[in-house]
Protein backbone atom coordinates (compact mmCIF):
# COMPACT_ATOMS: atom_id res chain seq x y z
CA MET A 1 13.93 7.23 7.72
CA PRO A 2 15.43 5.34 4.86
CA ASP A 3 18.98 6.29 3.89
CA ASP A 4 18.17 7.05 0.46
CA ILE A 5 15.18 9.41 1.53
CA VAL A 6 17.68 11.22 3.83
CA GLU A 7 20.25 11.53 1.21
CA GLN A 8 17.63 13.16 -1.07
CA VAL A 9 16.51 15.73 1.56
CA ALA A 10 19.93 16.60 2.36
CA LYS A 11 20.97 16.96 -1.37
CA ALA A 12 18.05 19.06 -2.18
CA ARG A 13 18.59 21.43 0.65
CA LEU A 14 22.32 21.83 -0.03
CA GLU A 15 21.74 22.51 -3.76
CA GLN A 16 20.10 25.73 -2.77
CA HIS A 17 23.68 26.94 -2.32
CA ASP A 18 22.68 29.74 0.12
CA TRP A 19 25.60 28.51 2.63
CA ASN A 20 28.66 30.49 0.90
CA TYR A 21 30.34 30.61 4.34
CA GLY A 22 29.68 27.07 5.31
CA PHE A 23 27.04 25.08 7.11
CA VAL A 24 26.55 22.93 10.15
CA MET A 25 24.75 19.67 10.16
CA ASP A 26 23.44 18.49 13.55
CA GLY A 27 22.50 14.56 13.58
CA TYR A 28 23.57 14.07 9.86
CA PRO A 29 24.82 11.90 8.85
CA ALA A 30 23.35 9.07 10.97
CA SER A 31 24.24 6.08 9.31
CA GLN A 32 27.47 4.65 7.51
CA ALA A 33 25.61 4.69 4.19
CA GLN A 34 24.74 8.66 4.99
CA ALA A 35 28.40 9.37 5.87
CA GLU A 36 29.76 7.86 2.79
CA PHE A 37 27.24 9.47 0.53
CA PHE A 38 28.05 12.96 2.35
CA LEU A 39 31.79 12.46 1.85
CA GLU A 40 31.40 11.52 -1.58
CA SER A 41 29.42 14.48 -2.40
CA TYR A 42 30.64 17.45 -0.42
CA ASP A 43 33.96 18.77 0.81
CA VAL A 44 33.96 18.38 4.73
CA ASP A 45 36.22 20.63 6.88
CA GLY A 46 35.60 18.91 10.06
CA VAL A 47 33.11 16.82 12.34
CA ILE A 48 32.75 18.42 15.80
CA LEU A 49 32.29 15.61 18.42
CA LEU A 50 31.06 17.09 21.78
CA GLU A 51 32.29 14.63 24.60
CA VAL A 52 29.95 14.50 27.47
CA PRO A 53 29.85 11.62 30.03
CA ASP A 54 26.93 9.68 29.65
CA THR A 55 26.27 10.41 33.56
CA LEU A 56 26.12 14.03 32.91
CA ILE A 57 23.71 13.61 29.93
CA ILE A 58 21.34 11.63 32.00
CA GLU A 59 21.42 14.27 34.97
CA ARG A 60 20.92 17.16 32.38
CA LEU A 61 18.19 15.54 30.38
CA SER A 62 16.19 14.27 33.38
CA ASN A 63 16.34 17.70 34.93
CA PHE A 64 14.39 19.00 31.67
CA ARG A 65 10.69 20.11 32.34
CA VAL A 66 8.25 21.47 29.84
CA CYS A 67 5.06 23.63 30.55
CA LYS A 68 1.97 21.53 30.05
CA ALA A 69 0.07 25.02 28.87
CA CYS A 70 2.60 26.96 26.80
CA GLY A 71 5.40 24.58 26.03
CA LEU A 72 8.02 26.74 27.49
CA ASP A 73 11.12 24.50 28.57
CA TYR A 74 12.99 24.61 31.68
CA ASN A 75 16.13 22.83 32.85
CA LEU A 76 15.91 22.49 36.60
CA ILE A 77 20.02 22.83 36.80
CA ALA A 78 20.32 25.86 34.66
CA HIS A 79 17.01 27.48 34.30
CA ARG A 80 14.94 26.84 37.45
CA PRO A 81 11.53 28.51 37.70
CA LYS A 82 11.00 30.83 40.72
CA GLU A 83 8.32 28.54 41.93
CA ASP A 84 8.76 24.71 42.02
CA GLU A 85 7.03 23.07 38.74
CA ILE A 86 5.14 26.21 37.83
CA CYS A 87 5.79 28.02 34.59
CA GLU A 88 6.91 31.55 34.99
CA VAL A 89 5.07 32.86 31.93
CA CYS A 90 1.63 31.24 32.22
CA GLY A 91 1.37 29.78 35.50
CA GLY A 92 1.02 26.13 34.01
CA THR A 93 2.43 23.03 35.43
CA LEU A 94 5.72 21.95 34.44
CA ILE A 95 5.96 18.17 33.54
CA GLN A 96 8.63 15.86 32.81
CA ARG A 97 8.37 14.28 29.35
CA SER A 98 8.19 10.57 29.06
CA THR A 99 11.41 10.59 26.93
CA ASP A 100 13.27 12.47 29.61
CA THR A 101 13.33 9.83 32.35
CA PRO A 102 16.48 8.10 33.26
CA ASP A 103 15.73 4.78 31.99
CA VAL A 104 14.75 6.00 28.57
CA ILE A 105 17.56 8.44 28.50
CA ARG A 106 20.05 5.30 29.15
CA ASP A 107 18.33 3.64 26.16
CA ARG A 108 18.54 6.53 23.98
CA ILE A 109 22.34 6.93 24.96
CA ARG A 110 22.87 3.29 24.01
CA ASP A 111 21.19 3.59 20.79
CA TYR A 112 23.14 6.80 19.93
CA HIS A 113 26.61 5.12 20.61
CA ASN A 114 25.64 1.79 18.89
CA LYS A 115 24.47 3.97 15.75
CA SER A 116 26.96 6.92 15.94
CA GLU A 117 30.41 5.42 16.76
CA PRO A 118 30.67 3.77 13.17
CA VAL A 119 29.74 6.89 11.57
CA ILE A 120 32.18 8.84 13.67
CA ASP A 121 34.98 6.26 12.80
CA ILE A 122 34.45 6.96 9.08
CA PHE A 123 35.33 10.61 9.70
CA ARG A 124 38.19 9.75 12.00
CA ARG A 125 39.74 7.71 9.44
CA LYS A 126 39.75 10.88 7.06
CA GLU A 127 41.10 12.85 10.15
CA LEU A 128 38.14 15.29 10.10
CA VAL A 129 36.99 14.78 13.77
CA VAL A 130 37.67 17.43 16.29
CA ALA A 131 36.76 16.33 19.85
CA ILE A 132 35.55 18.97 22.20
CA ASP A 133 34.98 18.72 25.98
CA GLY A 134 31.22 19.41 26.19
CA THR A 135 31.15 19.77 29.90
CA LYS A 136 32.60 23.27 29.78
CA PRO A 137 30.45 26.33 29.73
CA PRO A 138 28.68 27.17 26.33
CA ALA A 139 31.15 30.05 25.65
CA GLU A 140 34.14 28.02 26.32
CA VAL A 141 32.82 25.22 24.10
CA SER A 142 32.21 27.67 21.31
CA ALA A 143 35.71 28.98 21.74
CA LEU A 144 37.44 25.73 21.59
CA ILE A 145 35.44 24.67 18.57
CA CYS A 146 36.62 27.87 16.71
CA ALA A 147 40.18 27.42 17.81
CA GLU A 148 40.19 23.72 16.81
CA LEU A 149 38.66 24.61 13.36
CA ALA A 150 40.83 27.74 12.98
CA LEU A 151 37.72 29.94 12.66
């Protein structure tokens, strides 16, 4: 999506001013131009960078399955069905999406690093980046974020 369209969407949403206590952006800004626009237009308190080794991301995502019938998702590491490859809700077959194979995930990770690192560097120069160990359990990650941002 072109940067100018993404900027228009972000601006239109944030102009609704229903975020008195703050907001979290996930996956935005995704380019240097978007980051510069965002910094010029809004006060940024912090940028949360969840650090997870690529190998762990590949392991987690390649264990993702979705029910072909009802769309319920499973992670074979953390949310394994009682019966292999069978959805517990509707009995449908669990499949691996084409985007969740190790080779595709590696390509996605490479693309992420190439596009995101320059954006993260912009925020690092402003001393806004808070790096968090994303390998910890969710509750601990949340507590670390709160502590780092003094929430």
